[in-house]
Amino acid sequence: MNHIVTVQDAVIAFAEDIEPTDAELDAIVREEPLLLAEQELLDVQIALLDRPLTPLAKRRLRRAANKVLAARTEIANRAAAVRTGVAA
Protein backbone atom coordinates (compact mmCIF):
# COMPACT_ATOMS: atom_id res chain seq x y z
CA MET A 1 0.00 0.00 0.00
CA ASN A 2 1.36 3.42 -0.96
CA HIS A 3 1.08 6.23 1.54
CA ILE A 4 -0.11 9.58 0.29
CA VAL A 5 1.73 12.49 1.85
CA THR A 6 -0.23 15.67 2.25
CA VAL A 7 1.11 18.80 0.61
CA GLN A 8 1.69 20.42 3.99
CA ASP A 9 3.83 17.51 5.18
CA ALA A 10 5.88 17.67 2.00
CA VAL A 11 6.42 21.41 2.40
CA ILE A 12 7.33 21.17 6.07
CA ALA A 13 9.84 18.40 5.33
CA PHE A 14 11.86 20.80 3.15
CA ALA A 15 11.21 24.02 5.10
CA GLU A 16 14.92 24.84 5.45
CA ASP A 17 15.37 24.78 1.68
CA ILE A 18 12.51 27.17 0.98
CA GLU A 19 13.97 30.34 2.52
CA PRO A 20 16.62 32.19 0.50
CA THR A 21 20.13 32.20 1.90
CA ASP A 22 21.96 35.37 2.87
CA ALA A 23 24.04 35.11 -0.31
CA GLU A 24 20.88 34.88 -2.44
CA LEU A 25 19.37 37.89 -0.68
CA ASP A 26 22.59 39.86 -1.24
CA ALA A 27 22.49 38.97 -4.94
CA ILE A 28 18.91 40.20 -5.17
CA VAL A 29 19.87 43.49 -3.52
CA ARG A 30 22.81 43.92 -5.91
CA GLU A 31 20.55 43.30 -8.91
CA GLU A 32 17.67 45.45 -7.68
CA PRO A 33 18.51 48.47 -9.90
CA LEU A 34 18.42 46.17 -12.94
CA LEU A 35 15.12 44.63 -11.86
CA LEU A 36 13.56 48.06 -11.40
CA ALA A 37 14.88 49.28 -14.76
CA GLU A 38 13.52 46.19 -16.51
CA GLN A 39 10.17 46.70 -14.80
CA GLU A 40 10.09 50.32 -15.99
CA LEU A 41 10.93 49.24 -19.55
CA LEU A 42 8.15 46.66 -19.46
CA ASP A 43 5.70 49.28 -18.17
CA VAL A 44 6.61 51.59 -21.04
CA GLN A 45 6.28 48.78 -23.59
CA ILE A 46 2.86 47.81 -22.23
CA ALA A 47 1.70 51.43 -22.26
CA LEU A 48 2.71 51.75 -25.92
CA LEU A 49 1.06 48.55 -27.13
CA ASP A 50 -2.14 50.20 -28.32
CA ARG A 51 -0.89 53.71 -29.03
CA PRO A 52 0.87 55.25 -31.98
CA LEU A 53 4.60 55.74 -31.52
CA THR A 54 4.99 59.49 -31.12
CA PRO A 55 8.35 61.24 -30.73
CA LEU A 56 7.70 61.56 -26.98
CA ALA A 57 6.86 57.86 -26.72
CA LYS A 58 10.03 56.96 -28.64
CA ARG A 59 12.08 59.05 -26.22
CA ARG A 60 10.39 57.43 -23.22
CA LEU A 61 11.07 53.96 -24.62
CA ARG A 62 14.69 54.82 -25.46
CA ARG A 63 15.31 56.22 -21.96
CA ALA A 64 13.86 53.12 -20.32
CA ALA A 65 16.00 50.86 -22.53
CA ASN A 66 19.09 52.94 -21.73
CA LYS A 67 18.40 52.55 -17.99
CA VAL A 68 18.37 48.78 -18.44
CA LEU A 69 21.65 48.87 -20.35
CA ALA A 70 23.24 51.14 -17.74
CA ALA A 71 22.14 48.85 -14.90
CA ARG A 72 23.47 45.78 -16.73
CA THR A 73 26.77 47.54 -17.37
CA GLU A 74 27.07 48.54 -13.71
CA ILE A 75 26.46 44.96 -12.54
CA ALA A 76 28.93 43.56 -15.09
CA ASN A 77 31.59 46.11 -14.13
CA ARG A 78 31.10 45.40 -10.45
CA ALA A 79 31.38 41.65 -11.03
CA ALA A 80 34.53 42.13 -13.13
CA ALA A 81 36.06 44.31 -10.43
CA VAL A 82 35.38 41.64 -7.82
CA ARG A 83 36.94 38.92 -10.02
CA THR A 84 40.08 40.95 -10.70
CA GLY A 85 40.35 42.24 -7.14
CA VAL A 86 40.01 45.91 -8.13
CA ALA A 87 38.16 48.03 -5.60
CA ALA A 88 34.90 49.32 -7.02
C-alpha atoms as a PDB file:
ATOM      1  CA  MET A   1       0.000   0.000   0.000  1.00  0.00           C
ATOM      2  CA  ASN A   2       1.359   3.422  -0.962  1.00  0.00           C
ATOM      3  CA  HIS A   3       1.079   6.227   1.539  1.00  0.00           C
ATOM      4  CA  ILE A   4      -0.109   9.575   0.287  1.00  0.00           C
ATOM      5  CA  VAL A   5       1.727  12.486   1.852  1.00  0.00           C
ATOM      6  CA  THR A   6      -0.229  15.673   2.248  1.00  0.00           C
ATOM      7  CA  VAL A   7       1.114  18.801   0.613  1.00  0.00           C
ATOM      8  CA  GLN A   8       1.685  20.425   3.993  1.00  0.00           C
ATOM      9  CA  ASP A   9       3.829  17.508   5.185  1.00  0.00           C
ATOM     10  CA  ALA A  10       5.880  17.670   2.004  1.00  0.00           C
ATOM     11  CA  VAL A  11       6.420  21.415   2.403  1.00  0.00           C
ATOM     12  CA  ILE A  12       7.325  21.166   6.073  1.00  0.00           C
ATOM     13  CA  ALA A  13       9.836  18.402   5.334  1.00  0.00           C
ATOM     14  CA  PHE A  14      11.864  20.801   3.154  1.00  0.00           C
ATOM     15  CA  ALA A  15      11.214  24.021   5.098  1.00  0.00           C
ATOM     16  CA  GLU A  16      14.924  24.840   5.450  1.00  0.00           C
ATOM     17  CA  ASP A  17      15.373  24.783   1.681  1.00  0.00           C
ATOM     18  CA  ILE A  18      12.505  27.172   0.983  1.00  0.00           C
ATOM     19  CA  GLU A  19      13.970  30.336   2.518  1.00  0.00           C
ATOM     20  CA  PRO A  20      16.618  32.190   0.504  1.00  0.00           C
ATOM     21  CA  THR A  21      20.126  32.196   1.899  1.00  0.00           C
ATOM     22  CA  ASP A  22      21.955  35.367   2.870  1.00  0.00           C
ATOM     23  CA  ALA A  23      24.036  35.115  -0.307  1.00  0.00           C
ATOM     24  CA  GLU A  24      20.884  34.881  -2.435  1.00  0.00           C
ATOM     25  CA  LEU A  25      19.368  37.894  -0.683  1.00  0.00           C
ATOM     26  CA  ASP A  26      22.591  39.863  -1.239  1.00  0.00           C
ATOM     27  CA  ALA A  27      22.494  38.967  -4.941  1.00  0.00           C
ATOM     28  CA  ILE A  28      18.914  40.204  -5.175  1.00  0.00           C
ATOM     29  CA  VAL A  29      19.869  43.492  -3.519  1.00  0.00           C
ATOM     30  CA  ARG A  30      22.808  43.921  -5.913  1.00  0.00           C
ATOM     31  CA  GLU A  31      20.548  43.297  -8.911  1.00  0.00           C
ATOM     32  CA  GLU A  32      17.670  45.455  -7.676  1.00  0.00           C
ATOM     33  CA  PRO A  33      18.511  48.466  -9.901  1.00  0.00           C
ATOM     34  CA  LEU A  34      18.419  46.172 -12.942  1.00  0.00           C
ATOM     35  CA  LEU A  35      15.124  44.631 -11.862  1.00  0.00           C
ATOM     36  CA  LEU A  36      13.558  48.057 -11.398  1.00  0.00           C
ATOM     37  CA  ALA A  37      14.883  49.278 -14.761  1.00  0.00           C
ATOM     38  CA  GLU A  38      13.518  46.186 -16.510  1.00  0.00           C
ATOM     39  CA  GLN A  39      10.174  46.704 -14.804  1.00  0.00           C
ATOM     40  CA  GLU A  40      10.092  50.320 -15.991  1.00  0.00           C
ATOM     41  CA  LEU A  41      10.932  49.239 -19.550  1.00  0.00           C
ATOM     42  CA  LEU A  42       8.153  46.663 -19.461  1.00  0.00           C
ATOM     43  CA  ASP A  43       5.703  49.276 -18.169  1.00  0.00           C
ATOM     44  CA  VAL A  44       6.606  51.588 -21.045  1.00  0.00           C
ATOM     45  CA  GLN A  45       6.280  48.784 -23.593  1.00  0.00           C
ATOM     46  CA  ILE A  46       2.861  47.813 -22.233  1.00  0.00           C
ATOM     47  CA  ALA A  47       1.697  51.435 -22.261  1.00  0.00           C
ATOM     48  CA  LEU A  48       2.708  51.750 -25.918  1.00  0.00           C
ATOM     49  CA  LEU A  49       1.059  48.550 -27.131  1.00  0.00           C
ATOM     50  CA  ASP A  50      -2.137  50.201 -28.316  1.00  0.00           C
ATOM     51  CA  ARG A  51      -0.886  53.707 -29.029  1.00  0.00           C
ATOM     52  CA  PRO A  52       0.865  55.250 -31.979  1.00  0.00           C
ATOM     53  CA  LEU A  53       4.602  55.744 -31.523  1.00  0.00           C
ATOM     54  CA  THR A  54       4.990  59.493 -31.122  1.00  0.00           C
ATOM     55  CA  PRO A  55       8.351  61.242 -30.730  1.00  0.00           C
ATOM     56  CA  LEU A  56       7.699  61.558 -26.984  1.00  0.00           C
ATOM     57  CA  ALA A  57       6.860  57.858 -26.724  1.00  0.00           C
ATOM     58  CA  LYS A  58      10.028  56.964 -28.644  1.00  0.00           C
ATOM     59  CA  ARG A  59      12.078  59.055 -26.222  1.00  0.00           C
ATOM     60  CA  ARG A  60      10.395  57.431 -23.224  1.00  0.00           C
ATOM     61  CA  LEU A  61      11.074  53.958 -24.625  1.00  0.00           C
ATOM     62  CA  ARG A  62      14.688  54.820 -25.458  1.00  0.00           C
ATOM     63  CA  ARG A  63      15.309  56.215 -21.961  1.00  0.00           C
ATOM     64  CA  ALA A  64      13.859  53.122 -20.315  1.00  0.00           C
ATOM     65  CA  ALA A  65      15.999  50.858 -22.533  1.00  0.00           C
ATOM     66  CA  ASN A  66      19.089  52.941 -21.727  1.00  0.00           C
ATOM     67  CA  LYS A  67      18.403  52.549 -17.994  1.00  0.00           C
ATOM     68  CA  VAL A  68      18.367  48.781 -18.439  1.00  0.00           C
ATOM     69  CA  LEU A  69      21.653  48.875 -20.347  1.00  0.00           C
ATOM     70  CA  ALA A  70      23.243  51.142 -17.736  1.00  0.00           C
ATOM     71  CA  ALA A  71      22.143  48.853 -14.905  1.00  0.00           C
ATOM     72  CA  ARG A  72      23.471  45.781 -16.729  1.00  0.00           C
ATOM     73  CA  THR A  73      26.767  47.544 -17.371  1.00  0.00           C
ATOM     74  CA  GLU A  74      27.068  48.539 -13.713  1.00  0.00           C
ATOM     75  CA  ILE A  75      26.463  44.965 -12.543  1.00  0.00           C
ATOM     76  CA  ALA A  76      28.931  43.555 -15.085  1.00  0.00           C
ATOM     77  CA  ASN A  77      31.589  46.110 -14.131  1.00  0.00           C
ATOM     78  CA  ARG A  78      31.097  45.404 -10.447  1.00  0.00           C
ATOM     79  CA  ALA A  79      31.383  41.653 -11.035  1.00  0.00           C
ATOM     80  CA  ALA A  80      34.533  42.132 -13.130  1.00  0.00           C
ATOM     81  CA  ALA A  81      36.061  44.314 -10.434  1.00  0.00           C
ATOM     82  CA  VAL A  82      35.381  41.645  -7.821  1.00  0.00           C
ATOM     83  CA  ARG A  83      36.935  38.920 -10.020  1.00  0.00           C
ATOM     84  CA  THR A  84      40.076  40.951 -10.701  1.00  0.00           C
ATOM     85  CA  GLY A  85      40.348  42.243  -7.143  1.00  0.00           C
ATOM     86  CA  VAL A  86      40.011  45.907  -8.131  1.00  0.00           C
ATOM     87  CA  ALA A  87      38.164  48.032  -5.596  1.00  0.00           C
ATOM     88  CA  ALA A  88      34.896  49.323  -7.023  1.00  0.00           C
END
